[in-house]
Amino acid sequence: MTETTIRRADAADAERLTELIQASDAYRGAYFAMIDGYRVTPDYLARHEVRMAVSADDRLLGFYALIREPAELDLMFVADDAQGLGIGRQLIADMLDRAREAGTTSVKVVSHPPAERFYLRMGARRTGTRPPRARTPWAQPELHFTV
């Protein structure tokens, strides 16, 4: 496992968070519509709890965004070359710790379909399906973590 530090993202991190999203192989092909033109802005970082995993040399390995009310994991990305190193597991553990500290009892996740198995392995349970929408013209698994 790579040595990582998880810290709060700030406005100066917005561009590299956006770059990580745009570089994600998981959103190539049909799933590209979800991230096409998407940007993480300093305003988004100010409004939500966004935490990032960085290596000892400050390389961005992944991040998540937790919306507090209602509690929802809004974004979660792990760099393609850091997948399989336990970064996602560390980010989920950190997110659940933060939610617990805030007194939250459940965190919703509307998953990218290929990521559903990961969330299930991390302890989420499937609670439904969000129907297709304009930017996501496919059904999305809806899951919940009990905190």
N, C-alpha and C. Protein backbone atom coordinates (compact mmCIF):
# COMPACT_ATOMS: atom_id res chain seq x y z
N MET A 1 0.85 -1.18 0.00
CA MET A 1 0.00 0.00 0.00
C MET A 1 0.89 1.24 0.00
N THR A 2 0.49 2.24 -0.77
CA THR A 2 1.21 3.49 -0.87
C THR A 2 1.00 4.32 0.39
N GLU A 3 2.08 4.94 0.89
CA GLU A 3 1.94 5.83 2.05
C GLU A 3 1.15 7.06 1.62
N THR A 4 0.05 7.31 2.31
CA THR A 4 -0.79 8.44 1.94
C THR A 4 -1.17 9.28 3.14
N THR A 5 -1.50 10.51 2.83
CA THR A 5 -2.08 11.42 3.79
C THR A 5 -3.41 11.85 3.21
N ILE A 6 -4.44 11.89 4.04
CA ILE A 6 -5.73 12.39 3.59
C ILE A 6 -5.95 13.73 4.26
N ARG A 7 -6.20 14.73 3.43
CA ARG A 7 -6.36 16.09 3.93
C ARG A 7 -7.49 16.79 3.21
N ARG A 8 -7.96 17.87 3.80
CA ARG A 8 -9.01 18.68 3.18
C ARG A 8 -8.46 19.37 1.94
N ALA A 9 -9.24 19.36 0.88
CA ALA A 9 -8.87 20.09 -0.33
C ALA A 9 -9.24 21.55 -0.15
N ASP A 10 -8.44 22.43 -0.75
CA ASP A 10 -8.77 23.85 -0.70
C ASP A 10 -8.81 24.41 -2.12
N ALA A 11 -9.09 25.68 -2.25
CA ALA A 11 -9.28 26.30 -3.56
C ALA A 11 -8.10 26.06 -4.50
N ALA A 12 -6.89 26.01 -3.97
CA ALA A 12 -5.71 25.80 -4.79
C ALA A 12 -5.68 24.40 -5.41
N ASP A 13 -6.48 23.47 -4.88
CA ASP A 13 -6.51 22.10 -5.38
C ASP A 13 -7.54 21.88 -6.48
N ALA A 14 -8.40 22.85 -6.74
CA ALA A 14 -9.53 22.66 -7.65
C ALA A 14 -9.10 22.15 -9.02
N GLU A 15 -8.08 22.73 -9.60
CA GLU A 15 -7.68 22.35 -10.95
C GLU A 15 -7.16 20.92 -11.01
N ARG A 16 -6.36 20.51 -10.04
CA ARG A 16 -5.85 19.14 -10.12
C ARG A 16 -6.92 18.10 -9.80
N LEU A 17 -7.93 18.46 -9.01
CA LEU A 17 -9.06 17.55 -8.80
C LEU A 17 -9.83 17.39 -10.11
N THR A 18 -10.04 18.51 -10.81
CA THR A 18 -10.71 18.46 -12.12
C THR A 18 -9.90 17.61 -13.09
N GLU A 19 -8.59 17.77 -13.11
CA GLU A 19 -7.75 16.99 -14.02
C GLU A 19 -7.85 15.49 -13.73
N LEU A 20 -7.91 15.12 -12.46
CA LEU A 20 -8.04 13.70 -12.12
C LEU A 20 -9.36 13.15 -12.66
N ILE A 21 -10.44 13.91 -12.50
CA ILE A 21 -11.74 13.48 -13.03
C ILE A 21 -11.66 13.30 -14.54
N GLN A 22 -11.15 14.29 -15.22
CA GLN A 22 -11.12 14.27 -16.69
C GLN A 22 -10.21 13.16 -17.24
N ALA A 23 -9.23 12.73 -16.46
CA ALA A 23 -8.31 11.68 -16.91
C ALA A 23 -8.80 10.27 -16.63
N SER A 24 -9.92 10.13 -15.92
CA SER A 24 -10.39 8.82 -15.48
C SER A 24 -10.80 7.92 -16.63
N ASP A 25 -10.14 6.77 -16.74
CA ASP A 25 -10.50 5.78 -17.76
C ASP A 25 -11.89 5.20 -17.52
N ALA A 26 -12.39 5.24 -16.30
CA ALA A 26 -13.70 4.69 -15.99
C ALA A 26 -14.83 5.44 -16.68
N TYR A 27 -14.54 6.62 -17.20
CA TYR A 27 -15.60 7.42 -17.82
C TYR A 27 -15.38 7.60 -19.32
N ARG A 28 -14.69 6.68 -19.93
CA ARG A 28 -14.53 6.72 -21.38
C ARG A 28 -15.75 6.07 -22.02
N GLY A 29 -15.94 6.32 -23.29
CA GLY A 29 -17.06 5.72 -23.99
C GLY A 29 -18.39 6.30 -23.55
N ALA A 30 -19.37 5.44 -23.36
CA ALA A 30 -20.74 5.87 -23.05
C ALA A 30 -20.81 6.69 -21.77
N TYR A 31 -19.93 6.43 -20.81
CA TYR A 31 -20.00 7.13 -19.52
C TYR A 31 -19.37 8.52 -19.54
N PHE A 32 -18.78 8.92 -20.66
CA PHE A 32 -18.13 10.22 -20.73
C PHE A 32 -19.11 11.37 -20.48
N ALA A 33 -20.38 11.18 -20.81
CA ALA A 33 -21.37 12.25 -20.62
C ALA A 33 -21.41 12.74 -19.18
N MET A 34 -21.10 11.86 -18.22
CA MET A 34 -21.15 12.25 -16.80
C MET A 34 -20.11 13.31 -16.46
N ILE A 35 -18.96 13.26 -17.10
CA ILE A 35 -17.88 14.17 -16.73
C ILE A 35 -17.57 15.21 -17.79
N ASP A 36 -18.23 15.13 -18.93
CA ASP A 36 -17.96 16.05 -20.03
C ASP A 36 -18.13 17.49 -19.55
N GLY A 37 -17.04 18.23 -19.52
CA GLY A 37 -17.06 19.62 -19.10
C GLY A 37 -17.15 19.86 -17.60
N TYR A 38 -17.17 18.78 -16.81
CA TYR A 38 -17.30 18.93 -15.36
C TYR A 38 -16.04 19.56 -14.78
N ARG A 39 -16.23 20.48 -13.86
CA ARG A 39 -15.11 21.14 -13.19
C ARG A 39 -15.37 21.18 -11.69
N VAL A 40 -14.35 20.93 -10.91
CA VAL A 40 -14.40 21.16 -9.46
C VAL A 40 -13.96 22.62 -9.28
N THR A 41 -14.82 23.40 -8.66
CA THR A 41 -14.54 24.83 -8.51
C THR A 41 -14.17 25.16 -7.07
N PRO A 42 -13.49 26.28 -6.86
CA PRO A 42 -13.22 26.71 -5.48
C PRO A 42 -14.51 26.86 -4.67
N ASP A 43 -15.59 27.31 -5.30
CA ASP A 43 -16.87 27.45 -4.61
C ASP A 43 -17.38 26.08 -4.14
N TYR A 44 -17.28 25.07 -4.99
CA TYR A 44 -17.70 23.72 -4.61
C TYR A 44 -16.88 23.25 -3.40
N LEU A 45 -15.58 23.50 -3.43
CA LEU A 45 -14.70 23.09 -2.33
C LEU A 45 -15.05 23.83 -1.03
N ALA A 46 -15.51 25.05 -1.13
CA ALA A 46 -15.89 25.81 0.06
C ALA A 46 -17.21 25.31 0.65
N ARG A 47 -18.12 24.82 -0.21
CA ARG A 47 -19.45 24.41 0.24
C ARG A 47 -19.52 22.98 0.75
N HIS A 48 -18.59 22.12 0.32
CA HIS A 48 -18.67 20.70 0.67
C HIS A 48 -17.36 20.22 1.28
N GLU A 49 -17.45 19.12 2.00
CA GLU A 49 -16.24 18.53 2.57
C GLU A 49 -15.57 17.67 1.49
N VAL A 50 -14.50 18.17 0.94
CA VAL A 50 -13.76 17.46 -0.10
C VAL A 50 -12.40 17.14 0.49
N ARG A 51 -12.10 15.84 0.51
CA ARG A 51 -10.84 15.39 1.10
C ARG A 51 -10.08 14.58 0.06
N MET A 52 -8.78 14.76 0.07
CA MET A 52 -7.95 14.15 -0.95
C MET A 52 -6.82 13.33 -0.34
N ALA A 53 -6.51 12.24 -1.03
CA ALA A 53 -5.39 11.38 -0.65
C ALA A 53 -4.20 11.79 -1.50
N VAL A 54 -3.09 12.09 -0.83
CA VAL A 54 -1.87 12.48 -1.53
C VAL A 54 -0.72 11.61 -1.05
N SER A 55 0.23 11.40 -1.94
CA SER A 55 1.42 10.62 -1.60
C SER A 55 2.40 11.49 -0.83
N ALA A 56 3.49 10.89 -0.39
CA ALA A 56 4.50 11.62 0.38
C ALA A 56 5.07 12.80 -0.42
N ASP A 57 5.08 12.68 -1.76
CA ASP A 57 5.58 13.78 -2.60
C ASP A 57 4.44 14.66 -3.13
N ASP A 58 3.26 14.60 -2.47
CA ASP A 58 2.08 15.41 -2.75
C ASP A 58 1.43 15.11 -4.10
N ARG A 59 1.62 13.90 -4.60
CA ARG A 59 0.92 13.48 -5.83
C ARG A 59 -0.51 13.11 -5.46
N LEU A 60 -1.48 13.64 -6.20
CA LEU A 60 -2.89 13.36 -5.96
C LEU A 60 -3.19 11.92 -6.34
N LEU A 61 -3.66 11.15 -5.36
CA LEU A 61 -3.99 9.74 -5.59
C LEU A 61 -5.49 9.52 -5.72
N GLY A 62 -6.28 10.38 -5.10
CA GLY A 62 -7.73 10.26 -5.17
C GLY A 62 -8.39 11.28 -4.27
N PHE A 63 -9.72 11.34 -4.35
CA PHE A 63 -10.46 12.27 -3.49
C PHE A 63 -11.92 11.86 -3.42
N TYR A 64 -12.60 12.44 -2.44
CA TYR A 64 -14.05 12.29 -2.36
C TYR A 64 -14.65 13.62 -1.93
N ALA A 65 -15.95 13.76 -2.21
CA ALA A 65 -16.71 14.93 -1.77
C ALA A 65 -17.93 14.44 -1.02
N LEU A 66 -18.08 14.90 0.21
CA LEU A 66 -19.21 14.54 1.05
C LEU A 66 -20.11 15.76 1.20
N ILE A 67 -21.34 15.62 0.73
CA ILE A 67 -22.36 16.64 0.96
C ILE A 67 -22.97 16.31 2.31
N ARG A 68 -23.10 17.30 3.16
CA ARG A 68 -23.56 17.05 4.53
C ARG A 68 -25.06 16.93 4.67
N GLU A 69 -25.84 17.73 3.95
CA GLU A 69 -27.29 17.75 4.19
C GLU A 69 -28.04 17.77 2.88
N PRO A 70 -28.70 16.71 2.51
CA PRO A 70 -28.64 15.39 3.14
C PRO A 70 -27.32 14.71 2.80
N ALA A 71 -26.88 13.83 3.67
CA ALA A 71 -25.56 13.20 3.52
C ALA A 71 -25.49 12.35 2.25
N GLU A 72 -24.55 12.72 1.38
CA GLU A 72 -24.36 11.99 0.14
C GLU A 72 -22.90 12.07 -0.29
N LEU A 73 -22.38 10.93 -0.72
CA LEU A 73 -21.07 10.90 -1.34
C LEU A 73 -21.27 11.37 -2.77
N ASP A 74 -20.87 12.60 -3.05
CA ASP A 74 -21.15 13.22 -4.34
C ASP A 74 -20.13 12.84 -5.40
N LEU A 75 -18.88 12.84 -5.04
CA LEU A 75 -17.80 12.48 -5.97
C LEU A 75 -16.82 11.56 -5.27
N MET A 76 -16.27 10.61 -6.01
CA MET A 76 -15.15 9.83 -5.51
C MET A 76 -14.38 9.33 -6.72
N PHE A 77 -13.11 9.65 -6.73
CA PHE A 77 -12.23 9.24 -7.82
C PHE A 77 -10.90 8.80 -7.23
N VAL A 78 -10.34 7.75 -7.82
CA VAL A 78 -8.98 7.32 -7.53
C VAL A 78 -8.23 7.34 -8.85
N ALA A 79 -7.04 7.92 -8.86
CA ALA A 79 -6.23 7.98 -10.07
C ALA A 79 -6.07 6.58 -10.67
N ASP A 80 -6.15 6.50 -11.97
CA ASP A 80 -6.06 5.19 -12.64
C ASP A 80 -4.85 4.39 -12.19
N ASP A 81 -3.69 5.05 -12.09
CA ASP A 81 -2.47 4.32 -11.73
C ASP A 81 -2.35 4.05 -10.23
N ALA A 82 -3.31 4.52 -9.44
CA ALA A 82 -3.30 4.26 -7.99
C ALA A 82 -4.38 3.25 -7.59
N GLN A 83 -5.15 2.78 -8.55
CA GLN A 83 -6.20 1.81 -8.23
C GLN A 83 -5.58 0.48 -7.86
N GLY A 84 -6.21 -0.19 -6.90
CA GLY A 84 -5.70 -1.46 -6.42
C GLY A 84 -4.69 -1.33 -5.30
N LEU A 85 -4.41 -0.11 -4.85
CA LEU A 85 -3.42 0.13 -3.80
C LEU A 85 -4.06 0.41 -2.44
N GLY A 86 -5.38 0.34 -2.36
CA GLY A 86 -6.06 0.59 -1.10
C GLY A 86 -6.47 2.04 -0.88
N ILE A 87 -6.28 2.88 -1.88
CA ILE A 87 -6.61 4.31 -1.74
C ILE A 87 -8.11 4.49 -1.58
N GLY A 88 -8.89 3.80 -2.39
CA GLY A 88 -10.35 3.91 -2.29
C GLY A 88 -10.84 3.48 -0.92
N ARG A 89 -10.29 2.39 -0.41
CA ARG A 89 -10.66 1.90 0.93
C ARG A 89 -10.34 2.96 1.99
N GLN A 90 -9.18 3.61 1.87
CA GLN A 90 -8.80 4.66 2.83
C GLN A 90 -9.74 5.86 2.73
N LEU A 91 -10.11 6.22 1.52
CA LEU A 91 -11.02 7.36 1.35
C LEU A 91 -12.40 7.06 1.92
N ILE A 92 -12.91 5.85 1.70
CA ILE A 92 -14.22 5.48 2.25
C ILE A 92 -14.16 5.48 3.78
N ALA A 93 -13.10 4.93 4.35
CA ALA A 93 -12.96 4.92 5.81
C ALA A 93 -12.94 6.34 6.36
N ASP A 94 -12.21 7.23 5.69
CA ASP A 94 -12.15 8.62 6.12
C ASP A 94 -13.51 9.28 6.00
N MET A 95 -14.22 9.03 4.90
CA MET A 95 -15.54 9.61 4.70
C MET A 95 -16.50 9.15 5.80
N LEU A 96 -16.47 7.87 6.12
CA LEU A 96 -17.35 7.36 7.17
C LEU A 96 -16.99 7.94 8.53
N ASP A 97 -15.70 8.11 8.81
CA ASP A 97 -15.28 8.76 10.05
C ASP A 97 -15.81 10.19 10.12
N ARG A 98 -15.69 10.93 9.03
CA ARG A 98 -16.17 12.33 9.00
C ARG A 98 -17.67 12.39 9.19
N ALA A 99 -18.38 11.49 8.53
CA ALA A 99 -19.84 11.46 8.67
C ALA A 99 -20.24 11.13 10.10
N ARG A 100 -19.55 10.18 10.70
CA ARG A 100 -19.83 9.78 12.09
C ARG A 100 -19.59 10.96 13.03
N GLU A 101 -18.47 11.66 12.84
CA GLU A 101 -18.16 12.83 13.68
C GLU A 101 -19.22 13.91 13.56
N ALA A 102 -19.86 14.00 12.39
CA ALA A 102 -20.89 15.00 12.17
C ALA A 102 -22.27 14.54 12.67
N GLY A 103 -22.35 13.31 13.18
CA GLY A 103 -23.61 12.81 13.69
C GLY A 103 -24.52 12.21 12.63
N THR A 104 -23.98 11.96 11.45
CA THR A 104 -24.75 11.37 10.36
C THR A 104 -24.89 9.87 10.59
N THR A 105 -26.05 9.32 10.25
CA THR A 105 -26.27 7.88 10.45
C THR A 105 -26.27 7.10 9.15
N SER A 106 -26.39 7.79 8.01
CA SER A 106 -26.43 7.11 6.72
C SER A 106 -25.89 8.05 5.65
N VAL A 107 -25.14 7.50 4.69
CA VAL A 107 -24.62 8.29 3.57
C VAL A 107 -25.08 7.62 2.28
N LYS A 108 -25.76 8.40 1.46
CA LYS A 108 -26.26 7.92 0.17
C LYS A 108 -25.16 7.98 -0.88
N VAL A 109 -25.19 7.02 -1.81
CA VAL A 109 -24.28 7.01 -2.95
C VAL A 109 -25.11 6.68 -4.18
N VAL A 110 -25.08 7.56 -5.18
CA VAL A 110 -25.63 7.22 -6.50
C VAL A 110 -24.40 6.89 -7.33
N SER A 111 -24.25 5.61 -7.61
CA SER A 111 -22.99 5.08 -8.13
C SER A 111 -22.89 5.11 -9.65
N HIS A 112 -21.68 5.31 -10.11
CA HIS A 112 -21.30 5.00 -11.48
C HIS A 112 -21.47 3.48 -11.59
N PRO A 113 -22.25 2.96 -12.55
CA PRO A 113 -22.54 1.52 -12.55
C PRO A 113 -21.32 0.60 -12.36
N PRO A 114 -20.19 0.84 -13.03
CA PRO A 114 -19.05 -0.06 -12.81
C PRO A 114 -18.45 0.00 -11.39
N ALA A 115 -18.76 1.05 -10.63
CA ALA A 115 -18.21 1.19 -9.27
C ALA A 115 -19.07 0.53 -8.21
N GLU A 116 -20.25 0.05 -8.57
CA GLU A 116 -21.15 -0.52 -7.58
C GLU A 116 -20.50 -1.64 -6.77
N ARG A 117 -19.80 -2.54 -7.42
CA ARG A 117 -19.17 -3.66 -6.69
C ARG A 117 -18.19 -3.15 -5.64
N PHE A 118 -17.43 -2.10 -5.96
CA PHE A 118 -16.50 -1.52 -4.99
C PHE A 118 -17.27 -1.05 -3.74
N TYR A 119 -18.33 -0.30 -3.93
CA TYR A 119 -19.09 0.21 -2.78
C TYR A 119 -19.70 -0.92 -1.96
N LEU A 120 -20.17 -1.95 -2.63
CA LEU A 120 -20.71 -3.11 -1.90
C LEU A 120 -19.62 -3.78 -1.07
N ARG A 121 -18.42 -3.92 -1.64
CA ARG A 121 -17.29 -4.50 -0.88
C ARG A 121 -16.91 -3.63 0.31
N MET A 122 -17.14 -2.33 0.21
CA MET A 122 -16.80 -1.41 1.29
C MET A 122 -17.88 -1.37 2.37
N GLY A 123 -18.99 -2.09 2.16
CA GLY A 123 -20.02 -2.18 3.19
C GLY A 123 -21.32 -1.46 2.88
N ALA A 124 -21.43 -0.83 1.73
CA ALA A 124 -22.69 -0.20 1.35
C ALA A 124 -23.72 -1.27 1.03
N ARG A 125 -24.99 -0.90 1.09
CA ARG A 125 -26.04 -1.82 0.67
C ARG A 125 -26.86 -1.15 -0.42
N ARG A 126 -27.28 -1.95 -1.37
CA ARG A 126 -28.08 -1.42 -2.49
C ARG A 126 -29.49 -1.14 -2.00
N THR A 127 -29.99 0.06 -2.29
CA THR A 127 -31.33 0.44 -1.83
C THR A 127 -32.27 0.78 -2.97
N GLY A 128 -31.76 0.82 -4.18
CA GLY A 128 -32.63 1.15 -5.31
C GLY A 128 -31.84 1.49 -6.55
N THR A 129 -32.53 2.10 -7.48
CA THR A 129 -31.94 2.50 -8.76
C THR A 129 -32.47 3.86 -9.14
N ARG A 130 -31.57 4.75 -9.49
CA ARG A 130 -32.00 6.06 -9.99
C ARG A 130 -32.23 5.92 -11.49
N PRO A 131 -33.39 6.34 -11.96
CA PRO A 131 -33.68 6.20 -13.39
C PRO A 131 -32.78 7.09 -14.25
N PRO A 132 -32.69 6.78 -15.54
CA PRO A 132 -31.87 7.59 -16.46
C PRO A 132 -32.28 9.06 -16.43
N ARG A 133 -31.26 9.93 -16.65
CA ARG A 133 -31.46 11.38 -16.73
C ARG A 133 -30.70 11.89 -17.94
N ALA A 134 -30.79 13.19 -18.18
CA ALA A 134 -30.16 13.78 -19.36
C ALA A 134 -28.66 13.49 -19.44
N ARG A 135 -27.91 13.80 -18.37
CA ARG A 135 -26.45 13.58 -18.40
C ARG A 135 -26.07 12.13 -18.12
N THR A 136 -27.00 11.38 -17.57
CA THR A 136 -26.74 9.97 -17.26
C THR A 136 -27.88 9.14 -17.85
N PRO A 137 -27.82 8.87 -19.15
CA PRO A 137 -28.93 8.17 -19.82
C PRO A 137 -28.93 6.65 -19.56
N TRP A 138 -28.56 6.26 -18.37
CA TRP A 138 -28.58 4.86 -17.95
C TRP A 138 -29.00 4.85 -16.48
N ALA A 139 -29.53 3.73 -16.04
CA ALA A 139 -29.92 3.60 -14.63
C ALA A 139 -28.66 3.56 -13.78
N GLN A 140 -28.73 4.17 -12.60
CA GLN A 140 -27.59 4.19 -11.68
C GLN A 140 -27.97 3.51 -10.38
N PRO A 141 -27.10 2.62 -9.86
CA PRO A 141 -27.36 2.00 -8.58
C PRO A 141 -27.38 3.05 -7.46
N GLU A 142 -28.35 2.95 -6.59
CA GLU A 142 -28.41 3.80 -5.41
C GLU A 142 -28.08 2.92 -4.21
N LEU A 143 -27.12 3.36 -3.42
CA LEU A 143 -26.64 2.60 -2.27
C LEU A 143 -26.64 3.49 -1.04
N HIS A 144 -26.49 2.88 0.13
CA HIS A 144 -26.35 3.61 1.39
C HIS A 144 -25.30 2.94 2.27
N PHE A 145 -24.49 3.77 2.89
CA PHE A 145 -23.59 3.31 3.94
C PHE A 145 -24.26 3.62 5.27
N THR A 146 -24.30 2.66 6.18
CA THR A 146 -24.72 2.93 7.53
C THR A 146 -23.49 3.37 8.29
N VAL A 147 -23.61 4.50 8.97
CA VAL A 147 -22.45 5.08 9.66
C VAL A 147 -22.45 4.63 11.10
